């Protein structure tokens, strides 16, 4: 019962926060999105063990294996690039 009360309070605070965020100008909302994404990315990167092994690659079709390494990512973070793209598109 006490747990339900706490959950309701948290949901009400979350709802209030969402309403306040939606009132912010778009530039501030994008900044908030970037901050949240970076925070979530850090937490998930540390909680998920790396699973990049050569065993998984050997199970791929030979044609698909031939594509490995053909495209190299820019030194910039891909998520950051996409957020920048969206900022430019919608601002």
PDB file of N, CA and C in Angstrom:
ATOM      1  N   UNK A   1       0.824  -1.190   0.000  1.00  0.00           N
ATOM      2  CA  UNK A   1       0.000   0.000   0.000  1.00  0.00           C
ATOM      3  C   UNK A   1       0.872   1.260   0.000  1.00  0.00           C
ATOM      4  N   UNK A   2       1.898   1.277   0.863  1.00  0.00           N
ATOM      5  CA  UNK A   2       2.815   2.419   0.899  1.00  0.00           C
ATOM      6  C   UNK A   2       3.576   2.524  -0.418  1.00  0.00           C
ATOM      7  N   UNK A   3       3.899   1.374  -0.997  1.00  0.00           N
ATOM      8  CA  UNK A   3       4.606   1.346  -2.273  1.00  0.00           C
ATOM      9  C   UNK A   3       3.747   1.956  -3.380  1.00  0.00           C
ATOM     10  N   UNK A   4       2.444   1.666  -3.379  1.00  0.00           N
ATOM     11  CA  UNK A   4       1.532   2.241  -4.372  1.00  0.00           C
ATOM     12  C   UNK A   4       1.479   3.757  -4.242  1.00  0.00           C
ATOM     13  N   UNK A   5       1.497   4.244  -3.007  1.00  0.00           N
ATOM     14  CA  UNK A   5       1.451   5.678  -2.752  1.00  0.00           C
ATOM     15  C   UNK A   5       2.703   6.357  -3.317  1.00  0.00           C
ATOM     16  N   UNK A   6       3.841   5.739  -3.096  1.00  0.00           N
ATOM     17  CA  UNK A   6       5.107   6.271  -3.611  1.00  0.00           C
ATOM     18  C   UNK A   6       5.091   6.267  -5.134  1.00  0.00           C
ATOM     19  N   UNK A   7       4.612   5.178  -5.735  1.00  0.00           N
ATOM     20  CA  UNK A   7       4.537   5.087  -7.198  1.00  0.00           C
ATOM     21  C   UNK A   7       3.653   6.179  -7.773  1.00  0.00           C
ATOM     22  N   UNK A   8       2.514   6.455  -7.125  1.00  0.00           N
ATOM     23  CA  UNK A   8       1.617   7.513  -7.600  1.00  0.00           C
ATOM     24  C   UNK A   8       2.297   8.870  -7.529  1.00  0.00           C
ATOM     25  N   UNK A   9       3.018   9.128  -6.434  1.00  0.00           N
ATOM     26  CA  UNK A   9       3.717  10.409  -6.289  1.00  0.00           C
ATOM     27  C   UNK A   9       4.779  10.564  -7.374  1.00  0.00           C
ATOM     28  N   UNK A  10       5.502   9.500  -7.647  1.00  0.00           N
ATOM     29  CA  UNK A  10       6.533   9.539  -8.683  1.00  0.00           C
ATOM     30  C   UNK A  10       5.892   9.800 -10.040  1.00  0.00           C
ATOM     31  N   UNK A  11       4.787   9.147 -10.330  1.00  0.00           N
ATOM     32  CA  UNK A  11       4.101   9.335 -11.617  1.00  0.00           C
ATOM     33  C   UNK A  11       3.592  10.762 -11.753  1.00  0.00           C
ATOM     34  N   UNK A  12       3.074  11.336 -10.661  1.00  0.00           N
ATOM     35  CA  UNK A  12       2.586  12.713 -10.704  1.00  0.00           C
ATOM     36  C   UNK A  12       3.751  13.661 -10.963  1.00  0.00           C
ATOM     37  N   UNK A  13       4.877  13.445 -10.286  1.00  0.00           N
ATOM     38  CA  UNK A  13       6.048  14.294 -10.506  1.00  0.00           C
ATOM     39  C   UNK A  13       6.559  14.150 -11.934  1.00  0.00           C
ATOM     40  N   UNK A  14       6.554  12.935 -12.460  1.00  0.00           N
ATOM     41  CA  UNK A  14       6.988  12.707 -13.832  1.00  0.00           C
ATOM     42  C   UNK A  14       6.071  13.438 -14.805  1.00  0.00           C
ATOM     43  N   UNK A  15       4.773  13.370 -14.561  1.00  0.00           N
ATOM     44  CA  UNK A  15       3.804  14.054 -15.417  1.00  0.00           C
ATOM     45  C   UNK A  15       4.034  15.566 -15.384  1.00  0.00           C
ATOM     46  N   UNK A  16       4.249  16.113 -14.191  1.00  0.00           N
ATOM     47  CA  UNK A  16       4.505  17.548 -14.054  1.00  0.00           C
ATOM     48  C   UNK A  16       5.785  17.935 -14.791  1.00  0.00           C
ATOM     49  N   UNK A  17       6.802  17.114 -14.662  1.00  0.00           N
ATOM     50  CA  UNK A  17       8.071  17.369 -15.335  1.00  0.00           C
ATOM     51  C   UNK A  17       7.890  17.362 -16.851  1.00  0.00           C
ATOM     52  N   UNK A  18       7.145  16.389 -17.360  1.00  0.00           N
ATOM     53  CA  UNK A  18       6.895  16.312 -18.801  1.00  0.00           C
ATOM     54  C   UNK A  18       6.161  17.557 -19.290  1.00  0.00           C
ATOM     55  N   UNK A  19       5.179  18.012 -18.534  1.00  0.00           N
ATOM     56  CA  UNK A  19       4.434  19.215 -18.921  1.00  0.00           C
ATOM     57  C   UNK A  19       5.350  20.433 -18.954  1.00  0.00           C
ATOM     58  N   UNK A  20       6.229  20.548 -17.956  1.00  0.00           N
ATOM     59  CA  UNK A  20       7.154  21.680 -17.910  1.00  0.00           C
ATOM     60  C   UNK A  20       8.147  21.627 -19.066  1.00  0.00           C
ATOM     61  N   UNK A  21       8.636  20.450 -19.372  1.00  0.00           N
ATOM     62  CA  UNK A  21       9.606  20.298 -20.460  1.00  0.00           C
ATOM     63  C   UNK A  21       8.972  20.688 -21.789  1.00  0.00           C
ATOM     64  N   UNK A  22       7.728  20.316 -21.999  1.00  0.00           N
ATOM     65  CA  UNK A  22       7.064  20.635 -23.263  1.00  0.00           C
ATOM     66  C   UNK A  22       6.832  22.135 -23.435  1.00  0.00           C
ATOM     67  N   UNK A  23       6.918  22.891 -22.358  1.00  0.00           N
ATOM     68  CA  UNK A  23       6.765  24.344 -22.442  1.00  0.00           C
ATOM     69  C   UNK A  23       8.082  25.040 -22.791  1.00  0.00           C
ATOM     70  N   UNK A  24       9.191  24.320 -22.711  1.00  0.00           N
ATOM     71  CA  UNK A  24      10.496  24.901 -23.031  1.00  0.00           C
ATOM     72  C   UNK A  24      10.617  25.171 -24.526  1.00  0.00           C
ATOM     73  N   UNK A  25      11.429  26.160 -24.898  1.00  0.00           N
ATOM     74  CA  UNK A  25      11.713  26.375 -26.322  1.00  0.00           C
ATOM     75  C   UNK A  25      12.435  25.151 -26.896  1.00  0.00           C
ATOM     76  N   UNK A  26      12.326  24.967 -28.190  1.00  0.00           N
ATOM     77  CA  UNK A  26      12.857  23.765 -28.839  1.00  0.00           C
ATOM     78  C   UNK A  26      14.357  23.598 -28.603  1.00  0.00           C
ATOM     79  N   UNK A  27      15.102  24.685 -28.598  1.00  0.00           N
ATOM     80  CA  UNK A  27      16.553  24.576 -28.406  1.00  0.00           C
ATOM     81  C   UNK A  27      16.877  23.975 -27.035  1.00  0.00           C
ATOM     82  N   UNK A  28      16.170  24.419 -26.005  1.00  0.00           N
ATOM     83  CA  UNK A  28      16.393  23.868 -24.666  1.00  0.00           C
ATOM     84  C   UNK A  28      15.949  22.407 -24.591  1.00  0.00           C
ATOM     85  N   UNK A  29      14.876  22.063 -25.307  1.00  0.00           N
ATOM     86  CA  UNK A  29      14.432  20.661 -25.314  1.00  0.00           C
ATOM     87  C   UNK A  29      15.471  19.777 -25.985  1.00  0.00           C
ATOM     88  N   UNK A  30      16.088  20.262 -27.081  1.00  0.00           N
ATOM     89  CA  UNK A  30      17.123  19.471 -27.748  1.00  0.00           C
ATOM     90  C   UNK A  30      18.335  19.288 -26.842  1.00  0.00           C
ATOM     91  N   UNK A  31      18.688  20.340 -26.103  1.00  0.00           N
ATOM     92  CA  UNK A  31      19.798  20.228 -25.151  1.00  0.00           C
ATOM     93  C   UNK A  31      19.477  19.178 -24.102  1.00  0.00           C
ATOM     94  N   UNK A  32      18.243  19.193 -23.621  1.00  0.00           N
ATOM     95  CA  UNK A  32      17.812  18.201 -22.635  1.00  0.00           C
ATOM     96  C   UNK A  32      17.862  16.793 -23.224  1.00  0.00           C
ATOM     97  N   UNK A  33      17.422  16.651 -24.470  1.00  0.00           N
ATOM     98  CA  UNK A  33      17.453  15.344 -25.139  1.00  0.00           C
ATOM     99  C   UNK A  33      18.891  14.840 -25.238  1.00  0.00           C
ATOM    100  N   UNK A  34      19.810  15.713 -25.630  1.00  0.00           N
ATOM    101  CA  UNK A  34      21.215  15.316 -25.740  1.00  0.00           C
ATOM    102  C   UNK A  34      21.767  14.865 -24.390  1.00  0.00           C
ATOM    103  N   UNK A  35      21.432  15.616 -23.348  1.00  0.00           N
ATOM    104  CA  UNK A  35      21.910  15.275 -22.009  1.00  0.00           C
ATOM    105  C   UNK A  35      21.357  13.931 -21.565  1.00  0.00           C
ATOM    106  N   UNK A  36      20.063  13.723 -21.793  1.00  0.00           N
ATOM    107  CA  UNK A  36      19.442  12.454 -21.403  1.00  0.00           C
ATOM    108  C   UNK A  36      20.020  11.287 -22.195  1.00  0.00           C
ATOM    109  N   UNK A  37      20.194  11.472 -23.507  1.00  0.00           N
ATOM    110  CA  UNK A  37      20.755  10.401 -24.330  1.00  0.00           C
ATOM    111  C   UNK A  37      22.170  10.038 -23.884  1.00  0.00           C
ATOM    112  N   UNK A  38      22.973  11.047 -23.586  1.00  0.00           N
ATOM    113  CA  UNK A  38      24.339  10.781 -23.133  1.00  0.00           C
ATOM    114  C   UNK A  38      24.327  10.016 -21.816  1.00  0.00           C
ATOM    115  N   UNK A  39      23.423  10.405 -20.929  1.00  0.00           N
ATOM    116  CA  UNK A  39      23.316   9.727 -19.633  1.00  0.00           C
ATOM    117  C   UNK A  39      22.881   8.277 -19.800  1.00  0.00           C
ATOM    118  N   UNK A  40      21.868   8.062 -20.625  1.00  0.00           N
ATOM    119  CA  UNK A  40      21.365   6.700 -20.866  1.00  0.00           C
ATOM    120  C   UNK A  40      22.435   5.860 -21.547  1.00  0.00           C
ATOM    121  N   UNK A  41      23.130   6.465 -22.512  1.00  0.00           N
ATOM    122  CA  UNK A  41      24.176   5.733 -23.230  1.00  0.00           C
ATOM    123  C   UNK A  41      25.282   5.298 -22.276  1.00  0.00           C
ATOM    124  N   UNK A  42      25.703   6.190 -21.391  1.00  0.00           N
ATOM    125  CA  UNK A  42      26.748   5.834 -20.430  1.00  0.00           C
ATOM    126  C   UNK A  42      26.298   4.692 -19.534  1.00  0.00           C
ATOM    127  N   UNK A  43      25.074   4.781 -19.030  1.00  0.00           N
ATOM    128  CA  UNK A  43      24.579   3.735 -18.133  1.00  0.00           C
ATOM    129  C   UNK A  43      24.463   2.394 -18.846  1.00  0.00           C
ATOM    130  N   UNK A  44      23.981   2.393 -20.087  1.00  0.00           N
ATOM    131  CA  UNK A  44      23.815   1.124 -20.788  1.00  0.00           C
ATOM    132  C   UNK A  44      25.143   0.558 -21.261  1.00  0.00           C
ATOM    133  N   UNK A  45      26.081   1.407 -21.631  1.00  0.00           N
ATOM    134  CA  UNK A  45      27.380   0.905 -22.069  1.00  0.00           C
ATOM    135  C   UNK A  45      28.103   0.187 -20.941  1.00  0.00           C
ATOM    136  N   UNK A  46      27.960   0.681 -19.729  1.00  0.00           N
ATOM    137  CA  UNK A  46      28.638   0.058 -18.602  1.00  0.00           C
ATOM    138  C   UNK A  46      27.903  -1.169 -18.093  1.00  0.00           C
ATOM    139  N   UNK A  47      26.608  -1.263 -18.372  1.00  0.00           N
ATOM    140  CA  UNK A  47      25.845  -2.397 -17.844  1.00  0.00           C
ATOM    141  C   UNK A  47      25.796  -3.583 -18.805  1.00  0.00           C
ATOM    142  N   UNK A  48      26.137  -3.365 -20.071  1.00  0.00           N
ATOM    143  CA  UNK A  48      26.095  -4.444 -21.061  1.00  0.00           C
ATOM    144  C   UNK A  48      27.524  -4.868 -21.389  1.00  0.00           C
ATOM    145  N   UNK A  49      27.866  -6.121 -21.136  1.00  0.00           N
ATOM    146  CA  UNK A  49      29.220  -6.569 -21.467  1.00  0.00           C
ATOM    147  C   UNK A  49      29.406  -6.627 -22.983  1.00  0.00           C
ATOM    148  N   UNK A  50      30.591  -6.287 -23.470  1.00  0.00           N
ATOM    149  CA  UNK A  50      30.823  -6.343 -24.919  1.00  0.00           C
ATOM    150  C   UNK A  50      30.692  -7.768 -25.443  1.00  0.00           C
ATOM    151  N   UNK A  51      30.021  -7.900 -26.585  1.00  0.00           N
ATOM    152  CA  UNK A  51      29.791  -9.224 -27.157  1.00  0.00           C
ATOM    153  C   UNK A  51      30.329  -9.321 -28.580  1.00  0.00           C
ATOM    154  N   UNK A  52      31.301  -8.486 -28.886  1.00  0.00           N
ATOM    155  CA  UNK A  52      31.878  -8.520 -30.225  1.00  0.00           C
ATOM    156  C   UNK A  52      32.924  -9.629 -30.283  1.00  0.00           C
ATOM    157  N   UNK A  53      32.562 -10.731 -30.917  1.00  0.00           N
ATOM    158  CA  UNK A  53      33.515 -11.828 -31.045  1.00  0.00           C
ATOM    159  C   UNK A  53      33.605 -12.244 -32.501  1.00  0.00           C
ATOM    160  N   UNK A  54      34.681 -12.863 -32.835  1.00  0.00           N
ATOM    161  CA  UNK A  54      34.854 -13.344 -34.205  1.00  0.00           C
ATOM    162  C   UNK A  54      33.963 -14.538 -34.490  1.00  0.00           C
ATOM    163  N   UNK A  55      33.538 -15.257 -33.450  1.00  0.00           N
ATOM    164  CA  UNK A  55      32.659 -16.413 -33.659  1.00  0.00           C
ATOM    165  C   UNK A  55      31.368 -15.989 -34.349  1.00  0.00           C
ATOM    166  N   UNK A  56      30.786 -14.889 -33.898  1.00  0.00           N
ATOM    167  CA  UNK A  56      29.544 -14.406 -34.489  1.00  0.00           C
ATOM    168  C   UNK A  56      29.728 -14.012 -35.941  1.00  0.00           C
ATOM    169  N   UNK A  57      30.880 -13.459 -36.264  1.00  0.00           N
ATOM    170  CA  UNK A  57      31.146 -13.039 -37.635  1.00  0.00           C
ATOM    171  C   UNK A  57      31.319 -14.232 -38.565  1.00  0.00           C
ATOM    172  N   UNK A  58      31.863 -15.324 -38.061  1.00  0.00           N
ATOM    173  CA  UNK A  58      32.084 -16.493 -38.917  1.00  0.00           C
ATOM    174  C   UNK A  58      30.768 -17.156 -39.318  1.00  0.00           C
ATOM    175  N   UNK A  59      29.701 -16.873 -38.585  1.00  0.00           N
ATOM    176  CA  UNK A  59      28.396 -17.445 -38.920  1.00  0.00           C
ATOM    177  C   UNK A  59      27.689 -16.669 -40.027  1.00  0.00           C
ATOM    178  N   UNK A  60      28.228 -15.508 -40.375  1.00  0.00           N
ATOM    179  CA  UNK A  60      27.614 -14.699 -41.421  1.00  0.00           C
ATOM    180  C   UNK A  60      27.863 -15.306 -42.794  1.00  0.00           C
ATOM    181  N   UNK A  61      26.992 -14.970 -43.725  1.00  0.00           N
ATOM    182  CA  UNK A  61      27.156 -15.365 -45.116  1.00  0.00           C
ATOM    183  C   UNK A  61      28.489 -14.795 -45.626  1.00  0.00           C
ATOM    184  N   UNK A  62      29.217 -15.530 -46.472  1.00  0.00           N
ATOM    185  CA  UNK A  62      30.510 -15.035 -46.975  1.00  0.00           C
ATOM    186  C   UNK A  62      30.420 -13.657 -47.634  1.00  0.00           C
ATOM    187  N   UNK A  63      29.346 -13.403 -48.364  1.00  0.00           N
ATOM    188  CA  UNK A  63      29.188 -12.093 -49.003  1.00  0.00           C
ATOM    189  C   UNK A  63      29.096 -11.004 -47.938  1.00  0.00           C
ATOM    190  N   UNK A  64      28.338 -11.275 -46.877  1.00  0.00           N
ATOM    191  CA  UNK A  64      28.206 -10.310 -45.790  1.00  0.00           C
ATOM    192  C   UNK A  64      29.549 -10.115 -45.093  1.00  0.00           C
ATOM    193  N   UNK A  65      30.294 -11.196 -44.911  1.00  0.00           N
ATOM    194  CA  UNK A  65      31.618 -11.094 -44.286  1.00  0.00           C
ATOM    195  C   UNK A  65      32.541 -10.196 -45.107  1.00  0.00           C
ATOM    196  N   UNK A  66      32.372 -10.236 -46.428  1.00  0.00           N
ATOM    197  CA  UNK A  66      33.241  -9.425 -47.283  1.00  0.00           C
ATOM    198  C   UNK A  66      32.993  -7.925 -47.092  1.00  0.00           C
ATOM    199  N   UNK A  67      31.848  -7.571 -46.526  1.00  0.00           N
ATOM    200  CA  UNK A  67      31.529  -6.156 -46.315  1.00  0.00           C
ATOM    201  C   UNK A  67      32.113  -5.605 -45.015  1.00  0.00           C
ATOM    202  N   UNK A  68      32.573  -6.488 -44.141  1.00  0.00           N
ATOM    203  CA  UNK A  68      33.093  -6.045 -42.847  1.00  0.00           C
ATOM    204  C   UNK A  68      34.324  -5.175 -43.063  1.00  0.00           C
ATOM    205  N   UNK A  69      34.291  -3.997 -42.483  1.00  0.00           N
ATOM    206  CA  UNK A  69      35.410  -3.066 -42.564  1.00  0.00           C
ATOM    207  C   UNK A  69      35.394  -2.172 -43.786  1.00  0.00           C
ATOM    208  N   UNK A  70      34.438  -2.362 -44.705  1.00  0.00           N
ATOM    209  CA  UNK A  70      34.385  -1.535 -45.909  1.00  0.00           C
ATOM    210  C   UNK A  70      34.068  -0.090 -45.547  1.00  0.00           C
ATOM    211  N   UNK A  71      33.131   0.097 -44.645  1.00  0.00           N
ATOM    212  CA  UNK A  71      32.738   1.440 -44.232  1.00  0.00           C
ATOM    213  C   UNK A  71      33.357   1.723 -42.873  1.00  0.00           C
ATOM    214  N   UNK A  72      34.020   2.858 -42.777  1.00  0.00           N
ATOM    215  CA  UNK A  72      34.560   3.243 -41.468  1.00  0.00           C
ATOM    216  C   UNK A  72      33.766   4.436 -40.957  1.00  0.00           C
ATOM    217  N   UNK A  73      33.434   4.388 -39.677  1.00  0.00           N
ATOM    218  CA  UNK A  73      32.704   5.491 -39.073  1.00  0.00           C
ATOM    219  C   UNK A  73      33.639   6.672 -38.893  1.00  0.00           C
ATOM    220  N   UNK A  74      33.050   7.869 -38.972  1.00  0.00           N
ATOM    221  CA  UNK A  74      33.838   9.059 -38.702  1.00  0.00           C
ATOM    222  C   UNK A  74      34.256   9.023 -37.241  1.00  0.00           C
ATOM    223  N   UNK A  75      35.224   9.837 -36.910  1.00  0.00           N
ATOM    224  CA  UNK A  75      35.683   9.862 -35.524  1.00  0.00           C
ATOM    225  C   UNK A  75      34.609  10.418 -34.598  1.00  0.00           C
ATOM    226  N   UNK A  76      33.652  11.165 -35.160  1.00  0.00           N
ATOM    227  CA  UNK A  76      32.578  11.727 -34.347  1.00  0.00           C
ATOM    228  C   UNK A  76      31.612  10.622 -33.930  1.00  0.00           C
ATOM    229  N   UNK A  77      31.029  10.782 -32.786  1.00  0.00           N
ATOM    230  CA  UNK A  77      30.052   9.843 -32.248  1.00  0.00           C
ATOM    231  C   UNK A  77      28.825   9.803 -33.170  1.00  0.00           C
ATOM    232  N   UNK A  78      28.385   8.628 -33.659  1.00  0.00           N
ATOM    233  CA  UNK A  78      27.244   8.555 -34.578  1.00  0.00           C
ATOM    234  C   UNK A  78      25.958   9.108 -33.959  1.00  0.00           C
ATOM    235  N   UNK A  79      25.738   8.864 -32.671  1.00  0.00           N
ATOM    236  CA  UNK A  79      24.531   9.384 -32.032  1.00  0.00           C
ATOM    237  C   UNK A  79      24.559  10.908 -32.001  1.00  0.00           C
ATOM    238  N   UNK A  80      25.735  11.451 -31.714  1.00  0.00           N
ATOM    239  CA  UNK A  80      25.880  12.903 -31.664  1.00  0.00           C
ATOM    240  C   UNK A  80      25.660  13.502 -33.052  1.00  0.00           C
ATOM    241  N   UNK A  81      26.159  12.833 -34.086  1.00  0.00           N
ATOM    242  CA  UNK A  81      25.956  13.298 -35.456  1.00  0.00           C
ATOM    243  C   UNK A  81      24.476  13.337 -35.799  1.00  0.00           C
ATOM    244  N   UNK A  82      23.750  12.306 -35.393  1.00  0.00           N
ATOM    245  CA  UNK A  82      22.322  12.244 -35.704  1.00  0.00           C
ATOM    246  C   UNK A  82      21.555  13.322 -34.951  1.00  0.00           C
ATOM    247  N   UNK A  83      21.907  13.543 -33.700  1.00  0.00           N
ATOM    248  CA  UNK A  83      21.249  14.599 -32.919  1.00  0.00           C
ATOM    249  C   UNK A  83      21.525  15.951 -33.564  1.00  0.00           C
ATOM    250  N   UNK A  84      22.770  16.186 -33.993  1.00  0.00           N
ATOM    251  CA  UNK A  84      23.102  17.438 -34.673  1.00  0.00           C
ATOM    252  C   UNK A  84      22.296  17.592 -35.957  1.00  0.00           C
ATOM    253  N   UNK A  85      22.163  16.514 -36.705  1.00  0.00           N
ATOM    254  CA  UNK A  85      21.368  16.533 -37.935  1.00  0.00           C
ATOM    255  C   UNK A  85      19.921  16.924 -37.635  1.00  0.00           C
ATOM    256  N   UNK A  86      19.341  16.302 -36.606  1.00  0.00           N
ATOM    257  CA  UNK A  86      17.956  16.609 -36.242  1.00  0.00           C
ATOM    258  C   UNK A  86      17.808  18.049 -35.762  1.00  0.00           C
ATOM    259  N   UNK A  87      18.790  18.541 -35.016  1.00  0.00           N
ATOM    260  CA  UNK A  87      18.741  19.930 -34.557  1.00  0.00           C
ATOM    261  C   UNK A  87      18.707  20.885 -35.738  1.00  0.00           C
ATOM    262  N   UNK A  88      19.565  20.640 -36.713  1.00  0.00           N
ATOM    263  CA  UNK A  88      19.607  21.497 -37.893  1.00  0.00           C
ATOM    264  C   UNK A  88      18.310  21.406 -38.682  1.00  0.00           C
ATOM    265  N   UNK A  89      17.778  20.213 -38.790  1.00  0.00           N
ATOM    266  CA  UNK A  89      16.566  20.001 -39.579  1.00  0.00           C
ATOM    267  C   UNK A  89      15.354  20.688 -38.963  1.00  0.00           C
ATOM    268  N   UNK A  90      15.220  20.625 -37.636  1.00  0.00           N
ATOM    269  CA  UNK A  90      14.008  21.109 -36.984  1.00  0.00           C
ATOM    270  C   UNK A  90      14.156  22.453 -36.286  1.00  0.00           C
ATOM    271  N   UNK A  91      15.293  23.122 -36.437  1.00  0.00           N
ATOM    272  CA  UNK A  91      15.406  24.433 -35.783  1.00  0.00           C
ATOM    273  C   UNK A  91      15.297  25.556 -36.784  1.00  0.00           C
TER     274      UNK A  91
END
